PDB file of all heavy atoms in Angstrom:
ATOM      1  N   ARG A   1       0.839  -1.200   0.000  1.00  0.00           N
ATOM      2  CA  ARG A   1       0.000   0.000   0.000  1.00  0.00           C
ATOM      3  C   ARG A   1       0.877   1.254   0.000  1.00  0.00           C
ATOM      4  O   ARG A   1       0.580   2.226  -0.691  1.00  0.00           O
ATOM      5  CB  ARG A   1      -0.905   0.005   1.240  1.00  0.00           C
ATOM      6  CG  ARG A   1      -1.838   1.211   1.323  1.00  0.00           C
ATOM      7  CD  ARG A   1      -2.471   1.322   2.697  1.00  0.00           C
ATOM      8  NE  ARG A   1      -3.325   0.203   3.024  1.00  0.00           N
ATOM      9  CZ  ARG A   1      -4.629   0.149   2.749  1.00  0.00           C
ATOM     10  NH1 ARG A   1      -5.213   1.150   2.130  1.00  0.00           N
ATOM     11  NH2 ARG A   1      -5.328  -0.906   3.102  1.00  0.00           N
ATOM     12  N   LEU A   2       1.982   1.208   0.761  1.00  0.00           N
ATOM     13  CA  LEU A   2       2.868   2.363   0.834  1.00  0.00           C
ATOM     14  C   LEU A   2       3.451   2.703  -0.532  1.00  0.00           C
ATOM     15  O   LEU A   2       3.558   3.881  -0.895  1.00  0.00           O
ATOM     16  CB  LEU A   2       3.988   2.105   1.847  1.00  0.00           C
ATOM     17  CG  LEU A   2       4.982   3.244   2.065  1.00  0.00           C
ATOM     18  CD1 LEU A   2       4.277   4.496   2.587  1.00  0.00           C
ATOM     19  CD2 LEU A   2       6.088   2.826   3.032  1.00  0.00           C
ATOM     20  N   TYR A   3       3.822   1.672  -1.289  1.00  0.00           N
ATOM     21  CA  TYR A   3       4.366   1.922  -2.628  1.00  0.00           C
ATOM     22  C   TYR A   3       3.306   2.542  -3.535  1.00  0.00           C
ATOM     23  O   TYR A   3       3.591   3.464  -4.318  1.00  0.00           O
ATOM     24  CB  TYR A   3       4.883   0.629  -3.247  1.00  0.00           C
ATOM     25  CG  TYR A   3       5.423   0.810  -4.642  1.00  0.00           C
ATOM     26  CD1 TYR A   3       6.708   1.317  -4.851  1.00  0.00           C
ATOM     27  CD2 TYR A   3       4.641   0.514  -5.756  1.00  0.00           C
ATOM     28  CE1 TYR A   3       7.201   1.505  -6.138  1.00  0.00           C
ATOM     29  CE2 TYR A   3       5.126   0.694  -7.034  1.00  0.00           C
ATOM     30  CZ  TYR A   3       6.405   1.191  -7.225  1.00  0.00           C
ATOM     31  OH  TYR A   3       6.876   1.392  -8.493  1.00  0.00           O
ATOM     32  N   LYS A   4       2.080   2.060  -3.443  1.00  0.00           N
ATOM     33  CA  LYS A   4       1.001   2.619  -4.253  1.00  0.00           C
ATOM     34  C   LYS A   4       0.757   4.083  -3.904  1.00  0.00           C
ATOM     35  O   LYS A   4       0.388   4.889  -4.762  1.00  0.00           O
ATOM     36  CB  LYS A   4      -0.271   1.802  -4.059  1.00  0.00           C
ATOM     37  CG  LYS A   4      -0.180   0.390  -4.622  1.00  0.00           C
ATOM     38  CD  LYS A   4      -1.428  -0.414  -4.309  1.00  0.00           C
ATOM     39  CE  LYS A   4      -1.295  -1.845  -4.829  1.00  0.00           C
ATOM     40  NZ  LYS A   4      -2.473  -2.684  -4.474  1.00  0.00           N
ATOM     41  N   ILE A   5       0.957   4.430  -2.647  1.00  0.00           N
ATOM     42  CA  ILE A   5       0.776   5.814  -2.204  1.00  0.00           C
ATOM     43  C   ILE A   5       1.895   6.709  -2.731  1.00  0.00           C
ATOM     44  O   ILE A   5       1.652   7.778  -3.301  1.00  0.00           O
ATOM     45  CB  ILE A   5       0.725   5.880  -0.665  1.00  0.00           C
ATOM     46  CG1 ILE A   5      -0.557   5.237  -0.142  1.00  0.00           C
ATOM     47  CG2 ILE A   5       0.827   7.326  -0.174  1.00  0.00           C
ATOM     48  CD1 ILE A   5      -0.590   5.063   1.366  1.00  0.00           C
ATOM     49  N   LEU A   6       3.139   6.284  -2.538  1.00  0.00           N
ATOM     50  CA  LEU A   6       4.291   7.126  -2.868  1.00  0.00           C
ATOM     51  C   LEU A   6       4.700   7.042  -4.333  1.00  0.00           C
ATOM     52  O   LEU A   6       5.225   8.002  -4.897  1.00  0.00           O
ATOM     53  CB  LEU A   6       5.483   6.758  -1.977  1.00  0.00           C
ATOM     54  CG  LEU A   6       5.293   6.965  -0.473  1.00  0.00           C
ATOM     55  CD1 LEU A   6       6.507   6.456   0.277  1.00  0.00           C
ATOM     56  CD2 LEU A   6       5.029   8.424  -0.141  1.00  0.00           C
ATOM     57  N   GLY A   7       4.505   5.871  -4.931  1.00  0.00           N
ATOM     58  CA  GLY A   7       4.873   5.698  -6.337  1.00  0.00           C
ATOM     59  C   GLY A   7       6.358   5.609  -6.575  1.00  0.00           C
ATOM     60  O   GLY A   7       6.824   5.727  -7.709  1.00  0.00           O
ATOM     61  N   GLU A   8       7.145   5.385  -5.516  1.00  0.00           N
ATOM     62  CA  GLU A   8       8.597   5.287  -5.639  1.00  0.00           C
ATOM     63  C   GLU A   8       9.112   4.147  -4.767  1.00  0.00           C
ATOM     64  O   GLU A   8       8.643   3.952  -3.646  1.00  0.00           O
ATOM     65  CB  GLU A   8       9.278   6.591  -5.232  1.00  0.00           C
ATOM     66  CG  GLU A   8       8.918   7.769  -6.127  1.00  0.00           C
ATOM     67  CD  GLU A   8       9.707   9.025  -5.787  1.00  0.00           C
ATOM     68  OE1 GLU A   8      10.716   8.916  -5.057  1.00  0.00           O
ATOM     69  OE2 GLU A   8       9.309  10.110  -6.242  1.00  0.00           O
ATOM     70  N   LYS A   9      10.097   3.431  -5.303  1.00  0.00           N
ATOM     71  CA  LYS A   9      10.668   2.304  -4.579  1.00  0.00           C
ATOM     72  C   LYS A   9      11.737   2.753  -3.592  1.00  0.00           C
ATOM     73  O   LYS A   9      11.885   2.174  -2.507  1.00  0.00           O
ATOM     74  CB  LYS A   9      11.267   1.296  -5.562  1.00  0.00           C
ATOM     75  CG  LYS A   9      11.847   0.056  -4.896  1.00  0.00           C
ATOM     76  CD  LYS A   9      12.388  -0.931  -5.916  1.00  0.00           C
ATOM     77  CE  LYS A   9      12.995  -2.154  -5.241  1.00  0.00           C
ATOM     78  NZ  LYS A   9      13.554  -3.116  -6.221  1.00  0.00           N
ATOM     79  N   ASN A  10      12.505   3.774  -3.944  1.00  0.00           N
ATOM     80  CA  ASN A  10      13.579   4.276  -3.081  1.00  0.00           C
ATOM     81  C   ASN A  10      13.302   5.726  -2.715  1.00  0.00           C
ATOM     82  O   ASN A  10      13.166   6.577  -3.596  1.00  0.00           O
ATOM     83  CB  ASN A  10      14.929   4.154  -3.792  1.00  0.00           C
ATOM     84  CG  ASN A  10      15.286   2.704  -4.080  1.00  0.00           C
ATOM     85  OD1 ASN A  10      15.573   1.936  -3.172  1.00  0.00           O
ATOM     86  ND2 ASN A  10      15.268   2.329  -5.357  1.00  0.00           N
ATOM     87  N   ILE A  11      13.209   5.982  -1.428  1.00  0.00           N
ATOM     88  CA  ILE A  11      12.884   7.329  -0.953  1.00  0.00           C
ATOM     89  C   ILE A  11      13.890   7.752   0.120  1.00  0.00           C
ATOM     90  O   ILE A  11      14.488   6.917   0.800  1.00  0.00           O
ATOM     91  CB  ILE A  11      11.461   7.393  -0.373  1.00  0.00           C
ATOM     92  CG1 ILE A  11      11.293   6.410   0.800  1.00  0.00           C
ATOM     93  CG2 ILE A  11      10.420   7.120  -1.461  1.00  0.00           C
ATOM     94  CD1 ILE A  11       9.983   6.542   1.535  1.00  0.00           C
ATOM     95  N   ARG A  12      14.055   9.056   0.246  1.00  0.00           N
ATOM     96  CA  ARG A  12      14.875   9.608   1.327  1.00  0.00           C
ATOM     97  C   ARG A  12      13.971   9.967   2.493  1.00  0.00           C
ATOM     98  O   ARG A  12      12.893  10.547   2.300  1.00  0.00           O
ATOM     99  CB  ARG A  12      15.630  10.858   0.858  1.00  0.00           C
ATOM    100  CG  ARG A  12      16.780  10.574  -0.085  1.00  0.00           C
ATOM    101  CD  ARG A  12      17.411  11.873  -0.569  1.00  0.00           C
ATOM    102  NE  ARG A  12      18.086  12.583   0.527  1.00  0.00           N
ATOM    103  CZ  ARG A  12      19.407  12.579   0.713  1.00  0.00           C
ATOM    104  NH1 ARG A  12      20.185  11.908  -0.121  1.00  0.00           N
ATOM    105  NH2 ARG A  12      19.950  13.252   1.691  1.00  0.00           N
ATOM    106  N   VAL A  13      14.411   9.615   3.694  1.00  0.00           N
ATOM    107  CA  VAL A  13      13.608   9.910   4.881  1.00  0.00           C
ATOM    108  C   VAL A  13      14.467  10.595   5.945  1.00  0.00           C
ATOM    109  O   VAL A  13      15.683  10.412   5.995  1.00  0.00           O
ATOM    110  CB  VAL A  13      12.975   8.634   5.474  1.00  0.00           C
ATOM    111  CG1 VAL A  13      12.091   7.943   4.443  1.00  0.00           C
ATOM    112  CG2 VAL A  13      14.030   7.680   6.008  1.00  0.00           C
ATOM    113  N   ASN A  14      13.792  11.365   6.791  1.00  0.00           N
ATOM    114  CA  ASN A  14      14.467  11.893   7.973  1.00  0.00           C
ATOM    115  C   ASN A  14      14.443  10.826   9.066  1.00  0.00           C
ATOM    116  O   ASN A  14      13.739   9.819   8.948  1.00  0.00           O
ATOM    117  CB  ASN A  14      13.839  13.211   8.432  1.00  0.00           C
ATOM    118  CG  ASN A  14      12.328  13.099   8.658  1.00  0.00           C
ATOM    119  OD1 ASN A  14      11.747  12.022   8.612  1.00  0.00           O
ATOM    120  ND2 ASN A  14      11.686  14.221   8.896  1.00  0.00           N
ATOM    121  N   SER A  15      15.199  11.018  10.139  1.00  0.00           N
ATOM    122  CA  SER A  15      15.408   9.909  11.076  1.00  0.00           C
ATOM    123  C   SER A  15      15.766  10.428  12.463  1.00  0.00           C
ATOM    124  O   SER A  15      16.810  11.055  12.647  1.00  0.00           O
ATOM    125  CB  SER A  15      16.538   9.020  10.539  1.00  0.00           C
ATOM    126  OG  SER A  15      16.577   7.780  11.185  1.00  0.00           O
ATOM    127  N   PHE A  16      14.897  10.149  13.441  1.00  0.00           N
ATOM    128  CA  PHE A  16      15.108  10.623  14.820  1.00  0.00           C
ATOM    129  C   PHE A  16      14.712   9.542  15.823  1.00  0.00           C
ATOM    130  O   PHE A  16      13.763   9.709  16.580  1.00  0.00           O
ATOM    131  CB  PHE A  16      14.273  11.883  15.088  1.00  0.00           C
ATOM    132  CG  PHE A  16      14.349  12.924  14.018  1.00  0.00           C
ATOM    133  CD1 PHE A  16      13.338  13.057  13.086  1.00  0.00           C
ATOM    134  CD2 PHE A  16      15.449  13.761  13.915  1.00  0.00           C
ATOM    135  CE1 PHE A  16      13.409  14.012  12.089  1.00  0.00           C
ATOM    136  CE2 PHE A  16      15.526  14.712  12.922  1.00  0.00           C
ATOM    137  CZ  PHE A  16      14.511  14.844  12.004  1.00  0.00           C
ATOM    138  N   HIS A  17      15.407   8.429  15.822  1.00  0.00           N
ATOM    139  CA  HIS A  17      15.004   7.342  16.717  1.00  0.00           C
ATOM    140  C   HIS A  17      16.204   6.464  17.062  1.00  0.00           C
ATOM    141  O   HIS A  17      17.154   6.373  16.297  1.00  0.00           O
ATOM    142  CB  HIS A  17      13.913   6.489  16.062  1.00  0.00           C
ATOM    143  CG  HIS A  17      14.349   5.779  14.823  1.00  0.00           C
ATOM    144  ND1 HIS A  17      14.583   4.414  14.785  1.00  0.00           N
ATOM    145  CD2 HIS A  17      14.604   6.216  13.568  1.00  0.00           C
ATOM    146  CE1 HIS A  17      14.945   4.062  13.566  1.00  0.00           C
ATOM    147  NE2 HIS A  17      14.972   5.129  12.807  1.00  0.00           N
ATOM    148  N   HIS A  18      16.138   5.825  18.223  1.00  0.00           N
ATOM    149  CA  HIS A  18      17.146   4.824  18.576  1.00  0.00           C
ATOM    150  C   HIS A  18      16.492   3.480  18.854  1.00  0.00           C
ATOM    151  O   HIS A  18      17.177   2.489  19.074  1.00  0.00           O
ATOM    152  CB  HIS A  18      17.979   5.294  19.788  1.00  0.00           C
ATOM    153  CG  HIS A  18      17.306   5.094  21.109  1.00  0.00           C
ATOM    154  ND1 HIS A  18      17.761   4.198  22.041  1.00  0.00           N
ATOM    155  CD2 HIS A  18      16.195   5.663  21.645  1.00  0.00           C
ATOM    156  CE1 HIS A  18      16.980   4.228  23.114  1.00  0.00           C
ATOM    157  NE2 HIS A  18      16.012   5.109  22.891  1.00  0.00           N
ATOM    158  N   GLN A  19      15.147   3.453  18.822  1.00  0.00           N
ATOM    159  CA  GLN A  19      14.411   2.205  18.922  1.00  0.00           C
ATOM    160  C   GLN A  19      13.832   1.866  17.553  1.00  0.00           C
ATOM    161  O   GLN A  19      13.756   2.720  16.666  1.00  0.00           O
ATOM    162  CB  GLN A  19      13.276   2.315  19.938  1.00  0.00           C
ATOM    163  CG  GLN A  19      13.770   2.540  21.360  1.00  0.00           C
ATOM    164  CD  GLN A  19      12.702   2.242  22.389  1.00  0.00           C
ATOM    165  OE1 GLN A  19      11.568   2.673  22.277  1.00  0.00           O
ATOM    166  NE2 GLN A  19      13.074   1.497  23.418  1.00  0.00           N
ATOM    167  N   ALA A  20      13.419   0.611  17.368  1.00  0.00           N
ATOM    168  CA  ALA A  20      12.856   0.202  16.081  1.00  0.00           C
ATOM    169  C   ALA A  20      12.002  -1.041  16.268  1.00  0.00           C
ATOM    170  O   ALA A  20      12.150  -1.790  17.248  1.00  0.00           O
ATOM    171  CB  ALA A  20      13.968  -0.079  15.071  1.00  0.00           C
ATOM    172  N   VAL A  21      11.117  -1.271  15.310  1.00  0.00           N
ATOM    173  CA  VAL A  21      10.295  -2.474  15.295  1.00  0.00           C
ATOM    174  C   VAL A  21      11.189  -3.705  15.179  1.00  0.00           C
ATOM    175  O   VAL A  21      12.127  -3.735  14.386  1.00  0.00           O
ATOM    176  CB  VAL A  21       9.307  -2.412  14.111  1.00  0.00           C
ATOM    177  CG1 VAL A  21       8.639  -3.764  13.894  1.00  0.00           C
ATOM    178  CG2 VAL A  21       8.271  -1.323  14.347  1.00  0.00           C
ATOM    179  N   LYS A  22      10.884  -4.724  15.971  1.00  0.00           N
ATOM    180  CA  LYS A  22      11.648  -5.977  15.944  1.00  0.00           C
ATOM    181  C   LYS A  22      10.779  -7.105  15.393  1.00  0.00           C
ATOM    182  O   LYS A  22      10.808  -7.403  14.209  1.00  0.00           O
ATOM    183  CB  LYS A  22      12.183  -6.295  17.336  1.00  0.00           C
ATOM    184  CG  LYS A  22      13.114  -7.511  17.386  1.00  0.00           C
ATOM    185  CD  LYS A  22      13.613  -7.733  18.822  1.00  0.00           C
ATOM    186  CE  LYS A  22      14.559  -8.904  18.905  1.00  0.00           C
ATOM    187  NZ  LYS A  22      15.030  -9.141  20.302  1.00  0.00           N
ATOM    188  N   ASP A  23       9.990  -7.742  16.242  1.00  0.00           N
ATOM    189  CA  ASP A  23       9.115  -8.837  15.815  1.00  0.00           C
ATOM    190  C   ASP A  23       7.770  -8.272  15.361  1.00  0.00           C
ATOM    191  O   ASP A  23       7.156  -7.478  16.068  1.00  0.00           O
ATOM    192  CB  ASP A  23       8.897  -9.824  16.960  1.00  0.00           C
ATOM    193  CG  ASP A  23      10.201 -10.457  17.420  1.00  0.00           C
ATOM    194  OD1 ASP A  23      10.935 -10.968  16.558  1.00  0.00           O
ATOM    195  OD2 ASP A  23      10.487 -10.415  18.632  1.00  0.00           O
ATOM    196  N   ILE A  24       7.317  -8.711  14.188  1.00  0.00           N
ATOM    197  CA  ILE A  24       6.079  -8.224  13.602  1.00  0.00           C
ATOM    198  C   ILE A  24       4.917  -9.111  14.043  1.00  0.00           C
ATOM    199  O   ILE A  24       5.006 -10.340  13.976  1.00  0.00           O
ATOM    200  CB  ILE A  24       6.161  -8.236  12.055  1.00  0.00           C
ATOM    201  CG1 ILE A  24       7.374  -7.442  11.593  1.00  0.00           C
ATOM    202  CG2 ILE A  24       4.883  -7.682  11.433  1.00  0.00           C
ATOM    203  CD1 ILE A  24       7.324  -5.979  11.948  1.00  0.00           C
ATOM    204  N   PRO A  25       3.812  -8.517  14.474  1.00  0.00           N
ATOM    205  CA  PRO A  25       2.669  -9.332  14.905  1.00  0.00           C
ATOM    206  C   PRO A  25       1.880  -9.890  13.726  1.00  0.00           C
ATOM    207  O   PRO A  25       2.022  -9.439  12.581  1.00  0.00           O
ATOM    208  CB  PRO A  25       1.818  -8.331  15.700  1.00  0.00           C
ATOM    209  CG  PRO A  25       2.136  -7.011  15.082  1.00  0.00           C
ATOM    210  CD  PRO A  25       3.583  -7.081  14.683  1.00  0.00           C
ATOM    211  N   LYS A  26       1.039 -10.848  14.007  1.00  0.00           N
ATOM    212  CA  LYS A  26       0.151 -11.417  13.001  1.00  0.00           C
ATOM    213  C   LYS A  26      -0.752 -10.327  12.441  1.00  0.00           C
ATOM    214  O   LYS A  26      -1.229  -9.463  13.183  1.00  0.00           O
ATOM    215  CB  LYS A  26      -0.700 -12.528  13.630  1.00  0.00           C
ATOM    216  CG  LYS A  26      -1.626 -13.230  12.661  1.00  0.00           C
ATOM    217  CD  LYS A  26      -2.428 -14.315  13.361  1.00  0.00           C
ATOM    218  CE  LYS A  26      -3.380 -15.010  12.396  1.00  0.00           C
ATOM    219  NZ  LYS A  26      -4.184 -16.071  13.068  1.00  0.00           N
ATOM    220  N   GLY A  27      -0.970 -10.368  11.136  1.00  0.00           N
ATOM    221  CA  GLY A  27      -1.825  -9.376  10.499  1.00  0.00           C
ATOM    222  C   GLY A  27      -1.081  -8.177   9.966  1.00  0.00           C
ATOM    223  O   GLY A  27      -1.704  -7.255   9.427  1.00  0.00           O
ATOM    224  N   PHE A  28       0.255  -8.181  10.096  1.00  0.00           N
ATOM    225  CA  PHE A  28       1.083  -7.083   9.606  1.00  0.00           C
ATOM    226  C   PHE A  28       2.208  -7.618   8.733  1.00  0.00           C
ATOM    227  O   PHE A  28       2.562  -8.793   8.806  1.00  0.00           O
ATOM    228  CB  PHE A  28       1.684  -6.298  10.772  1.00  0.00           C
ATOM    229  CG  PHE A  28       0.705  -5.396  11.462  1.00  0.00           C
ATOM    230  CD1 PHE A  28      -0.187  -5.909  12.390  1.00  0.00           C
ATOM    231  CD2 PHE A  28       0.662  -4.045  11.173  1.00  0.00           C
ATOM    232  CE1 PHE A  28      -1.105  -5.087  13.026  1.00  0.00           C
ATOM    233  CE2 PHE A  28      -0.250  -3.220  11.799  1.00  0.00           C
ATOM    234  CZ  PHE A  28      -1.143  -3.737  12.723  1.00  0.00           C
ATOM    235  N   ARG A  29       2.780  -6.749   7.934  1.00  0.00           N
ATOM    236  CA  ARG A  29       3.958  -7.110   7.161  1.00  0.00           C
ATOM    237  C   ARG A  29       4.884  -5.905   7.048  1.00  0.00           C
ATOM    238  O   ARG A  29       4.453  -4.747   7.148  1.00  0.00           O
ATOM    239  CB  ARG A  29       3.592  -7.616   5.769  1.00  0.00           C
ATOM    240  CG  ARG A  29       2.972  -6.573   4.850  1.00  0.00           C
ATOM    241  CD  ARG A  29       2.882  -7.132   3.446  1.00  0.00           C
ATOM    242  NE  ARG A  29       2.336  -6.182   2.500  1.00  0.00           N
ATOM    243  CZ  ARG A  29       2.578  -6.216   1.198  1.00  0.00           C
ATOM    244  NH1 ARG A  29       3.362  -7.151   0.692  1.00  0.00           N
ATOM    245  NH2 ARG A  29       2.039  -5.341   0.382  1.00  0.00           N
ATOM    246  N   VAL A  30       6.164  -6.185   6.842  1.00  0.00           N
ATOM    247  CA  VAL A  30       7.164  -5.136   6.634  1.00  0.00           C
ATOM    248  C   VAL A  30       7.035  -4.631   5.203  1.00  0.00           C
ATOM    249  O   VAL A  30       7.010  -5.421   4.257  1.00  0.00           O
ATOM    250  CB  VAL A  30       8.586  -5.679   6.868  1.00  0.00           C
ATOM    251  CG1 VAL A  30       9.619  -4.601   6.570  1.00  0.00           C
ATOM    252  CG2 VAL A  30       8.731  -6.194   8.291  1.00  0.00           C
ATOM    253  N   VAL A  31       6.973  -3.296   5.024  1.00  0.00           N
ATOM    254  CA  VAL A  31       6.826  -2.745   3.674  1.00  0.00           C
ATOM    255  C   VAL A  31       7.919  -1.737   3.333  1.00  0.00           C
ATOM    256  O   VAL A  31       7.932  -1.194   2.221  1.00  0.00           O
ATOM    257  CB  VAL A  31       5.440  -2.109   3.482  1.00  0.00           C
ATOM    258  CG1 VAL A  31       4.362  -3.180   3.530  1.00  0.00           C
ATOM    259  CG2 VAL A  31       5.156  -1.022   4.504  1.00  0.00           C
ATOM    260  N   ALA A  32       8.846  -1.481   4.242  1.00  0.00           N
ATOM    261  CA  ALA A  32       9.988  -0.622   3.922  1.00  0.00           C
ATOM    262  C   ALA A  32      11.096  -0.867   4.937  1.00  0.00           C
ATOM    263  O   ALA A  32      10.838  -1.106   6.117  1.00  0.00           O
ATOM    264  CB  ALA A  32       9.606   0.858   3.928  1.00  0.00           C
ATOM    265  N   SER A  33      12.359  -0.821   4.454  1.00  0.00           N
ATOM    266  CA  SER A  33      13.527  -1.014   5.317  1.00  0.00           C
ATOM    267  C   SER A  33      14.649  -0.102   4.854  1.00  0.00           C
ATOM    268  O   SER A  33      14.714   0.285   3.679  1.00  0.00           O
ATOM    269  CB  SER A  33      14.009  -2.471   5.272  1.00  0.00           C
ATOM    270  OG  SER A  33      12.993  -3.364   5.656  1.00  0.00           O
ATOM    271  N   SER A  34      15.543   0.235   5.772  1.00  0.00           N
ATOM    272  CA  SER A  34      16.747   0.981   5.419  1.00  0.00           C
ATOM    273  C   SER A  34      17.833   0.002   4.994  1.00  0.00           C
ATOM    274  O   SER A  34      17.666  -1.215   5.101  1.00  0.00           O
ATOM    275  CB  SER A  34      17.208   1.849   6.594  1.00  0.00           C
ATOM    276  OG  SER A  34      17.284   1.098   7.784  1.00  0.00           O
ATOM    277  N   SER A  35      18.950   0.514   4.514  1.00  0.00           N
ATOM    278  CA  SER A  35      19.990  -0.337   3.941  1.00  0.00           C
ATOM    279  C   SER A  35      20.607  -1.305   4.946  1.00  0.00           C
ATOM    280  O   SER A  35      21.151  -2.345   4.575  1.00  0.00           O
ATOM    281  CB  SER A  35      21.099   0.533   3.329  1.00  0.00           C
ATOM    282  OG  SER A  35      21.679   1.368   4.315  1.00  0.00           O
ATOM    283  N   ASP A  36      20.528  -0.987   6.235  1.00  0.00           N
ATOM    284  CA  ASP A  36      21.069  -1.881   7.265  1.00  0.00           C
ATOM    285  C   ASP A  36      20.070  -2.956   7.697  1.00  0.00           C
ATOM    286  O   ASP A  36      20.382  -3.803   8.533  1.00  0.00           O
ATOM    287  CB  ASP A  36      21.531  -1.073   8.480  1.00  0.00           C
ATOM    288  CG  ASP A  36      20.449  -0.168   9.051  1.00  0.00           C
ATOM    289  OD1 ASP A  36      19.291  -0.257   8.588  1.00  0.00           O
ATOM    290  OD2 ASP A  36      20.759   0.648   9.940  1.00  0.00           O
ATOM    291  N   GLY A  37      18.860  -2.903   7.162  1.00  0.00           N
ATOM    292  CA  GLY A  37      17.841  -3.886   7.500  1.00  0.00           C
ATOM    293  C   GLY A  37      16.850  -3.443   8.553  1.00  0.00           C
ATOM    294  O   GLY A  37      15.889  -4.176   8.848  1.00  0.00           O
ATOM    295  N   VAL A  38      17.044  -2.258   9.153  1.00  0.00           N
ATOM    296  CA  VAL A  38      16.100  -1.758  10.150  1.00  0.00           C
ATOM    297  C   VAL A  38      14.742  -1.516   9.485  1.00  0.00           C
ATOM    298  O   VAL A  38      14.660  -0.942   8.398  1.00  0.00           O
ATOM    299  CB  VAL A  38      16.621  -0.460  10.800  1.00  0.00           C
ATOM    300  CG1 VAL A  38      15.526   0.219  11.626  1.00  0.00           C
ATOM    301  CG2 VAL A  38      17.825  -0.768  11.681  1.00  0.00           C
TER     302      VAL A  38
END
């Protein structure tokens, strides 16, 4: 859905966090990652 919204595969983002999503719950999927896999 995110790709359909943005229309781009590679995007630049700002970043202000030291925590991140780890284990994904049922009913969800990962739809974007940074180059390190976060």
